[in-house]
Protein backbone atom coordinates (compact mmCIF):
# COMPACT_ATOMS: atom_id res chain seq x y z
CA UNK A 1 81.02 117.27 102.71
CA UNK A 2 84.63 118.49 102.17
CA UNK A 3 84.00 119.42 105.65
CA UNK A 4 82.91 115.98 107.12
CA UNK A 5 85.85 113.85 105.49
CA UNK A 6 88.71 116.06 107.22
CA UNK A 7 91.25 112.87 108.19
CA UNK A 8 92.50 112.08 104.78
CA UNK A 9 95.91 110.57 104.00
CA UNK A 10 98.14 111.21 100.86
CA UNK A 11 96.67 107.74 99.47
CA UNK A 12 92.70 109.75 99.17
CA UNK A 13 94.53 112.15 97.56
CA UNK A 14 96.27 110.12 94.37
CA UNK A 15 93.14 108.32 94.46
CA UNK A 16 90.64 111.08 93.67
CA UNK A 17 93.15 112.69 91.64
CA UNK A 18 93.70 109.54 89.56
CA UNK A 19 92.39 109.65 86.25
CA UNK A 20 92.83 105.89 84.94
CA UNK A 21 89.95 103.56 84.30
CA UNK A 22 91.32 101.26 86.58
CA UNK A 23 92.54 102.20 89.66
CA UNK A 24 94.82 98.92 92.15
CA UNK A 25 95.17 100.45 95.58
CA UNK A 26 97.78 97.87 96.31
CA UNK A 27 100.06 98.25 99.70
CA UNK A 28 101.05 97.30 103.45
CA UNK A 29 99.47 96.78 106.49
CA UNK A 30 97.46 99.83 107.47
CA UNK A 31 98.33 102.15 104.57
CA UNK A 32 95.32 103.26 104.37
CA UNK A 33 94.13 101.77 100.95
CA UNK A 34 90.67 100.56 101.27
CA UNK A 35 90.06 103.29 103.74
CA UNK A 36 90.82 105.68 101.34
CA UNK A 37 89.08 103.97 99.00
CA UNK A 38 85.75 104.30 100.93
CA UNK A 39 85.82 107.79 102.17
CA UNK A 40 86.30 108.67 98.28
CA UNK A 41 83.08 106.35 97.27
CA UNK A 42 81.21 108.21 99.82
CA UNK A 43 82.17 111.36 98.87
CA UNK A 44 81.32 110.63 95.40
CA UNK A 45 77.85 109.63 97.00
CA UNK A 46 77.24 112.89 98.45
CA UNK A 47 78.48 115.30 95.66
CA UNK A 48 77.70 113.82 92.42
CA UNK A 49 74.10 112.64 90.80
CA UNK A 50 72.85 109.94 89.24
CA UNK A 51 76.06 107.51 90.10
CA UNK A 52 75.53 103.88 90.73
CA UNK A 53 77.90 102.07 92.44
CA UNK A 54 79.11 98.71 93.23
CA UNK A 55 81.04 97.29 95.90
CA UNK A 56 82.14 93.80 95.99
CA UNK A 57 84.00 91.38 97.81
CA UNK A 58 84.88 87.33 95.81
CA UNK A 59 81.73 86.29 98.20
CA UNK A 60 79.29 87.91 99.94
CA UNK A 61 80.37 86.83 103.64
CA UNK A 62 84.03 88.62 103.14
CA UNK A 63 82.23 91.73 101.79
CA UNK A 64 79.99 92.38 104.97
CA UNK A 65 83.39 91.78 107.51
CA UNK A 66 84.81 94.36 105.45
CA UNK A 67 83.54 97.09 102.76
CA UNK A 68 79.98 96.43 103.83
CA UNK A 69 81.11 97.45 107.39
CA UNK A 70 83.54 100.32 106.59
CA UNK A 71 81.16 102.01 104.17
CA UNK A 72 77.90 102.03 106.43
CA UNK A 73 80.22 103.48 109.49
CA UNK A 74 81.55 105.80 107.95
CA UNK A 75 78.04 107.63 106.88
CA UNK A 76 77.56 107.43 110.48
CA UNK A 77 80.74 108.77 111.25
CA UNK A 78 80.29 111.69 109.43
CA UNK A 79 76.53 111.41 110.05
CA UNK A 80 74.83 111.07 106.75
CA UNK A 81 73.70 107.61 107.21
CA UNK A 82 69.59 107.40 107.62
CA UNK A 83 67.76 104.25 108.25
CA UNK A 84 64.94 104.95 105.73
CA UNK A 85 67.83 104.96 102.83
CA UNK A 86 69.49 101.55 103.43
CA UNK A 87 67.81 98.75 102.36
CA UNK A 88 69.44 95.55 103.93
CA UNK A 89 67.60 93.09 102.17
CA UNK A 90 68.68 93.90 98.57
CA UNK A 91 71.62 95.62 100.53
CA UNK A 92 71.91 98.96 98.82
CA UNK A 93 72.02 102.60 100.37
CA UNK A 94 70.24 105.49 98.73
CA UNK A 95 71.66 108.97 98.62
CA UNK A 96 69.70 111.42 96.95
CA UNK A 97 69.71 110.25 92.68
CA UNK A 98 72.59 108.01 93.56
CA UNK A 99 72.74 104.47 94.77
CA UNK A 100 75.56 101.92 96.07
CA UNK A 101 74.58 98.44 95.96
CA UNK A 102 76.81 95.54 98.13
CA UNK A 103 77.50 92.57 96.57
CA UNK A 104 79.55 89.43 96.26
CA UNK A 105 80.91 88.20 92.73
CA UNK A 106 79.02 84.86 94.40
CA UNK A 107 75.89 86.19 93.91
CA UNK A 108 75.57 86.15 89.95
CA UNK A 109 72.24 87.03 89.58
CA UNK A 110 72.56 90.27 90.57
CA UNK A 111 75.02 91.03 87.59
CA UNK A 112 72.39 90.21 85.29
CA UNK A 113 71.57 94.02 84.26
CA UNK A 114 73.90 95.30 86.17
CA UNK A 115 75.20 98.71 85.11
CA UNK A 116 77.41 101.16 87.13
CA UNK A 117 79.65 104.08 86.98
CA UNK A 118 82.38 102.90 90.09
CA UNK A 119 83.10 99.37 91.44
CA UNK A 120 84.98 99.04 94.31
CA UNK A 121 87.23 95.59 94.46
CA UNK A 122 88.26 95.17 97.65
CA UNK A 123 90.36 92.25 98.56
CA UNK A 124 91.66 92.23 94.93
CA UNK A 125 93.89 89.73 94.59
CA UNK A 126 90.67 86.84 95.96
CA UNK A 127 89.65 87.85 92.47
CA UNK A 128 90.22 86.48 89.09
CA UNK A 129 91.00 88.17 85.94
CA UNK A 130 87.26 86.85 84.46
CA UNK A 131 85.87 88.78 87.70
CA UNK A 132 87.64 91.97 86.99
CA UNK A 133 86.36 91.60 83.19
CA UNK A 134 82.76 91.22 84.24
CA UNK A 135 82.71 93.95 86.02
CA UNK A 136 84.68 96.39 83.64
CA UNK A 137 82.24 94.94 81.36
CA UNK A 138 79.23 96.48 83.52
CA UNK A 139 80.45 100.23 83.52
CA UNK A 140 77.90 101.83 82.02
CA UNK A 141 78.62 104.86 79.50
CA UNK A 142 79.82 107.76 81.09
CA UNK A 143 77.99 111.10 80.74
CA UNK A 144 79.62 114.04 79.37
CA UNK A 145 83.33 115.27 80.94
CA UNK A 146 83.17 112.43 83.14
CA UNK A 147 84.96 109.31 83.19
CA UNK A 148 83.82 105.44 85.04
CA UNK A 149 86.62 103.54 87.10
CA UNK A 150 86.77 100.56 88.65
CA UNK A 151 89.24 100.84 92.22
CA UNK A 152 90.84 97.41 93.42
CA UNK A 153 92.13 97.37 96.92
CA UNK A 154 95.17 94.58 98.21
CA UNK A 155 97.92 93.66 99.18
CA UNK A 156 100.93 92.10 97.28
CA UNK A 157 100.70 89.18 99.35
CA UNK A 158 101.77 86.80 95.79
CA UNK A 159 104.26 88.01 92.75
CA UNK A 160 102.23 85.56 90.68
CA UNK A 161 98.70 86.88 91.24
CA UNK A 162 97.11 87.64 88.41
CA UNK A 163 96.88 91.59 89.48
CA UNK A 164 100.98 91.68 89.76
CA UNK A 165 100.61 89.34 86.51
CA UNK A 166 98.44 91.06 84.07
CA UNK A 167 96.90 93.20 85.18
CA UNK A 168 99.04 96.22 85.70
CA UNK A 169 100.29 95.80 82.46
CA UNK A 170 97.65 96.58 81.00
CA UNK A 171 96.46 100.28 79.59
CA UNK A 172 94.17 102.86 81.07
CA UNK A 173 95.56 100.99 84.77
CA UNK A 174 97.20 103.46 87.64
CA UNK A 175 98.90 101.79 90.21
CA UNK A 176 98.78 103.33 93.56
CA UNK A 177 100.96 101.73 96.03
CA UNK A 178 101.16 102.79 99.67
CA UNK A 179 102.69 101.46 103.14
CA UNK A 180 102.31 102.43 106.79
CA UNK A 181 103.94 106.06 106.34
CA UNK A 182 101.17 107.02 104.26
CA UNK A 183 99.04 107.10 107.38
CA UNK A 184 99.89 109.63 109.42
CA UNK A 185 96.96 108.49 111.98
CA UNK A 186 99.21 105.26 112.97
CA UNK A 187 99.51 104.71 116.65
CA UNK A 188 103.38 104.54 117.40
CA UNK A 189 102.64 100.90 119.10
CA UNK A 190 101.32 99.59 116.03
CA UNK A 191 103.96 101.18 114.33
CA UNK A 192 106.72 99.65 116.34
CA UNK A 193 104.92 96.47 115.85
CA UNK A 194 104.83 96.13 112.11
CA UNK A 195 108.94 97.16 112.37
CA UNK A 196 109.36 94.24 114.27
CA UNK A 197 108.76 92.02 111.83
CA UNK A 198 111.89 92.88 109.80
CA UNK A 199 113.74 90.09 111.71
CA UNK A 200 110.89 87.77 111.87
CA UNK A 201 110.43 86.81 108.06
CA UNK A 202 112.06 89.09 104.99
CA UNK A 203 108.50 87.94 102.98
CA UNK A 204 106.29 89.38 105.65
CA UNK A 205 108.13 91.91 106.30
CA UNK A 206 108.14 92.60 102.48
CA UNK A 207 104.74 92.39 102.09
CA UNK A 208 103.16 94.26 105.08
CA UNK A 209 105.62 96.96 106.36
CA UNK A 210 107.59 97.52 102.37
CA UNK A 211 103.70 97.03 100.67
CA UNK A 212 105.84 94.85 97.94
CA UNK A 213 105.10 92.37 95.98
CA UNK A 214 105.49 88.52 98.06
CA UNK A 215 105.87 85.27 97.85
CA UNK A 216 103.98 82.10 98.88
CA UNK A 217 106.62 79.47 98.42
CA UNK A 218 106.38 77.98 101.90
CA UNK A 219 103.09 77.54 102.83
CA UNK A 220 101.94 75.43 105.55
CA UNK A 221 98.75 73.82 104.67
CA UNK A 222 97.84 73.15 101.22
CA UNK A 223 95.55 70.01 101.33
CA UNK A 224 92.10 72.00 101.44
CA UNK A 225 89.27 73.18 99.10
CA UNK A 226 86.11 75.66 100.01
CA UNK A 227 82.69 74.27 100.15
CA UNK A 228 79.78 75.51 100.42
CA UNK A 229 78.29 74.30 103.67
CA UNK A 230 78.85 71.77 106.59
CA UNK A 231 77.73 68.94 106.44
CA UNK A 232 74.55 68.27 108.02
CA UNK A 233 76.39 65.12 109.96
CA UNK A 234 79.28 64.82 111.06
CA UNK A 235 81.03 62.21 113.97
CA UNK A 236 82.30 64.63 115.95
CA UNK A 237 82.78 68.68 116.73
CA UNK A 238 84.39 70.99 118.26
CA UNK A 239 84.77 74.32 118.45
CA UNK A 240 88.76 76.73 118.53
CA UNK A 241 89.24 79.75 120.43
CA UNK A 242 91.76 82.28 119.88
CA UNK A 243 90.76 85.13 122.43
CA UNK A 244 91.75 88.90 121.57
CA UNK A 245 89.98 92.44 122.04
CA UNK A 246 92.39 94.43 120.48
CA UNK A 247 93.30 91.94 118.07
CA UNK A 248 90.47 89.91 116.80
CA UNK A 249 88.66 87.20 118.77
CA UNK A 250 88.70 84.21 116.32
CA UNK A 251 86.10 81.26 117.28
CA UNK A 252 86.12 78.43 114.56
CA UNK A 253 83.41 75.39 114.31
CA UNK A 254 85.40 72.05 113.76
CA UNK A 255 83.09 69.27 112.22
CA UNK A 256 85.16 65.27 112.06
CA UNK A 257 83.53 62.95 109.25
CA UNK A 258 86.28 59.95 109.12
CA UNK A 259 89.66 61.49 108.45
CA UNK A 260 88.72 65.03 107.25
CA UNK A 261 87.95 68.16 109.20
CA UNK A 262 85.05 70.31 107.99
CA UNK A 263 86.32 74.57 109.55
CA UNK A 264 83.46 76.76 109.73
CA UNK A 265 84.50 80.42 111.05
CA UNK A 266 82.17 81.55 113.37
CA UNK A 267 83.33 84.88 114.99
CA UNK A 268 86.46 87.11 113.81
CA UNK A 269 86.42 90.30 115.18
CA UNK A 270 87.85 92.96 117.46
CA UNK A 271 86.95 94.38 120.81
CA UNK A 272 84.70 91.50 122.08
CA UNK A 273 84.65 91.16 125.76
CA UNK A 274 84.23 87.64 127.47
CA UNK A 275 80.24 88.93 128.22
CA UNK A 276 79.93 89.27 124.25
CA UNK A 277 81.45 85.92 124.09
CA UNK A 278 78.94 84.14 126.14
CA UNK A 279 75.98 85.38 124.66
CA UNK A 280 76.82 84.81 121.28
CA UNK A 281 77.67 81.22 122.52
CA UNK A 282 73.84 81.13 123.12
CA UNK A 283 73.30 81.05 119.64
CA UNK A 284 75.58 78.66 118.68
CA UNK A 285 75.54 74.66 118.99
CA UNK A 286 76.89 73.58 122.53
CA UNK A 287 79.83 71.89 122.14
CA UNK A 288 83.67 71.87 123.78
CA UNK A 289 85.73 75.09 123.43
CA UNK A 290 89.92 74.83 123.64
CA UNK A 291 91.12 77.67 123.97
CA UNK A 292 94.24 79.95 123.98
CA UNK A 293 96.14 78.17 127.55
CA UNK A 294 97.87 81.75 128.03
CA UNK A 295 94.07 83.03 129.41
CA UNK A 296 92.71 80.59 132.44
CA UNK A 297 90.93 83.15 134.15
CA UNK A 298 88.44 83.96 130.64
CA UNK A 299 88.78 79.96 130.31
CA UNK A 300 87.18 79.92 133.28
CA UNK A 301 84.60 82.13 133.08
CA UNK A 302 83.09 80.66 130.30
CA UNK A 303 83.03 77.61 132.31
CA UNK A 304 80.75 79.16 135.10
CA UNK A 305 78.63 80.74 132.32
CA UNK A 306 77.99 76.95 132.01
CA UNK A 307 79.94 75.68 128.99
CA UNK A 308 82.23 73.38 128.45
CA UNK A 309 85.56 75.24 128.15
CA UNK A 310 89.69 73.36 128.30
CA UNK A 311 92.81 74.85 127.67
CA UNK A 312 94.19 73.89 124.09
CA UNK A 313 97.53 72.05 123.23
CA UNK A 314 100.00 74.60 123.28
CA UNK A 315 102.80 72.83 120.88
CA UNK A 316 102.62 74.62 117.82
CA UNK A 317 104.00 72.33 116.14
CA UNK A 318 102.55 69.13 117.28
CA UNK A 319 99.34 70.90 116.09
CA UNK A 320 100.39 72.21 113.08
CA UNK A 321 101.27 68.30 112.61
CA UNK A 322 97.42 67.21 113.56
CA UNK A 323 96.50 69.58 111.44
CA UNK A 324 98.38 68.64 107.69
CA UNK A 325 97.19 64.86 108.25
CA UNK A 326 93.48 65.89 107.08
CA UNK A 327 92.06 67.31 104.69
CA UNK A 328 90.63 70.60 105.35
CA UNK A 329 86.88 71.41 103.71
CA UNK A 330 86.39 75.41 104.65
CA UNK A 331 83.07 77.00 104.39
CA UNK A 332 82.92 79.71 101.51
CA UNK A 333 81.71 81.97 104.66
CA UNK A 334 84.70 81.72 106.31
CA UNK A 335 86.61 85.09 104.25
CA UNK A 336 88.85 85.62 107.32
CA UNK A 337 90.22 82.26 107.70
CA UNK A 338 90.47 81.75 104.09
CA UNK A 339 92.28 85.07 104.04
CA UNK A 340 94.70 83.62 107.12
CA UNK A 341 95.28 79.52 105.55
CA UNK A 342 96.50 80.91 102.11
CA UNK A 343 99.32 83.24 103.52
CA UNK A 344 100.26 80.68 106.46
CA UNK A 345 103.96 80.54 106.12
CA UNK A 346 106.68 79.08 107.99
CA UNK A 347 109.55 81.55 109.12
CA UNK A 348 112.32 81.57 106.75
CA UNK A 349 116.16 82.69 108.80
CA UNK A 350 118.08 85.46 107.36
CA UNK A 351 120.50 82.96 106.21
CA UNK A 352 117.14 81.75 103.70
CA UNK A 353 116.41 78.66 105.63
CA UNK A 354 112.84 77.51 106.42
CA UNK A 355 112.18 76.89 109.91
CA UNK A 356 109.53 74.45 111.26
CA UNK A 357 107.90 78.05 113.44
CA UNK A 358 105.01 79.70 111.42
CA UNK A 359 105.48 83.81 110.91
CA UNK A 360 103.81 85.01 113.82
CA UNK A 361 101.10 87.19 111.70
CA UNK A 362 97.81 87.68 110.70
CA UNK A 363 97.31 83.71 112.51
CA UNK A 364 94.11 84.44 114.82
CA UNK A 365 92.36 81.94 112.48
CA UNK A 366 94.80 79.47 112.73
CA UNK A 367 96.06 79.18 116.47
CA UNK A 368 91.73 78.91 116.64
CA UNK A 369 91.81 75.91 114.50
CA UNK A 370 94.99 74.22 116.16
CA UNK A 371 92.91 74.18 119.08
CA UNK A 372 89.50 72.85 118.06
CA UNK A 373 91.46 69.78 116.26
CA UNK A 374 93.99 69.00 118.33
CA UNK A 375 91.24 69.23 120.93
CA UNK A 376 88.40 67.20 119.07
CA UNK A 377 91.01 64.79 117.31
CA UNK A 378 92.55 63.27 120.95
CA UNK A 379 89.24 62.42 122.40
CA UNK A 380 87.96 61.64 119.34
CA UNK A 381 85.13 58.29 120.43
CA UNK A 382 85.27 59.34 123.61
CA UNK A 383 82.53 61.80 123.67
CA UNK A 384 83.20 63.47 127.94
CA UNK A 385 87.05 62.67 128.08
CA UNK A 386 90.05 65.42 127.96
CA UNK A 387 93.03 65.08 125.98
CA UNK A 388 95.43 63.54 128.14
CA UNK A 389 98.10 66.21 127.58
CA UNK A 390 96.00 69.05 129.28
CA UNK A 391 94.14 67.00 131.68
CA UNK A 392 96.95 67.97 134.27
CA UNK A 393 96.72 72.30 133.63
CA UNK A 394 93.11 71.51 133.66
CA UNK A 395 93.21 69.58 137.26
CA UNK A 396 96.03 72.29 138.52
CA UNK A 397 93.34 75.21 136.81
CA UNK A 398 90.37 73.47 138.24
């Protein structure tokens, strides 16, 4: 197994050598914190015996798109994965006498009789202290000479988060701080893009480059809540689409009820081609699509496939203002959307002046929402009409 896990970073070594009961991996973007914990979990899965490993996010959809995919993907990369050992109904994976169980903290029933030797809390700042303590109580009695542990991985987005304010002050807790410099496998292009944040926003530079605790002082959206699902009936519906390939393609469903907006994340994934996206549309409810107008060729291709796609409104400030006028209701399954909106802030210049422009980072679904909300609200009540502000572009494009 040591031979299989060849590409490790210093973060992996620090994690593997920690003897603390609670290990907090906190750091900047692409510092390898989550990747290293996943590798270490797999090491224990293969090399130890009679171990129960729990891997969790605040919700199961969030887990499915993060740690679940990462661990299963690594098992496949290492040639360890066996389809017969993966129970996709109960979300477990067995290896010998060991088992990994994947679950969301919203699945309370799974915790009633659970006992774990190791627990990994991905996106640790999305949990509450009560969640952490519940899992801490679920650690089984360790065998002689062994130590059961809880691992947390997170970006240091908010200095007032319970992890920063409370957990790191407790006994038997080790904090492993990391930055992009701890990951020797990053491309130079990615490093340069990350370093460019120093001239754009001091807080984002502090969080995502330096891996230091940030401040959520200038949030753009505050009037929102989390709901179980979209309502079964609504007055109007459309989609917002922000294209990507290296960056994720972000696709969101937008529903209007009176003056409230309901939002449901439908896609957030890199390496998506237009063909892939058109295939996805075949499984979605039909509705107008408002997309990034910088990709007119891709919009045309979607239209020729039989779907109604328009260039979205490019005025960022106008779009933000329109979204801010509505109460936003976000489905609990929209894990990436919730993460983006919680950290979506206005720029602050070097003199401390708060600017109207948002920070351009981790904002793909925020852009998709703007496109969808503007398009939907602009034509509300006129089912076949195109918003007048983009009519000229459509006519020119057509």
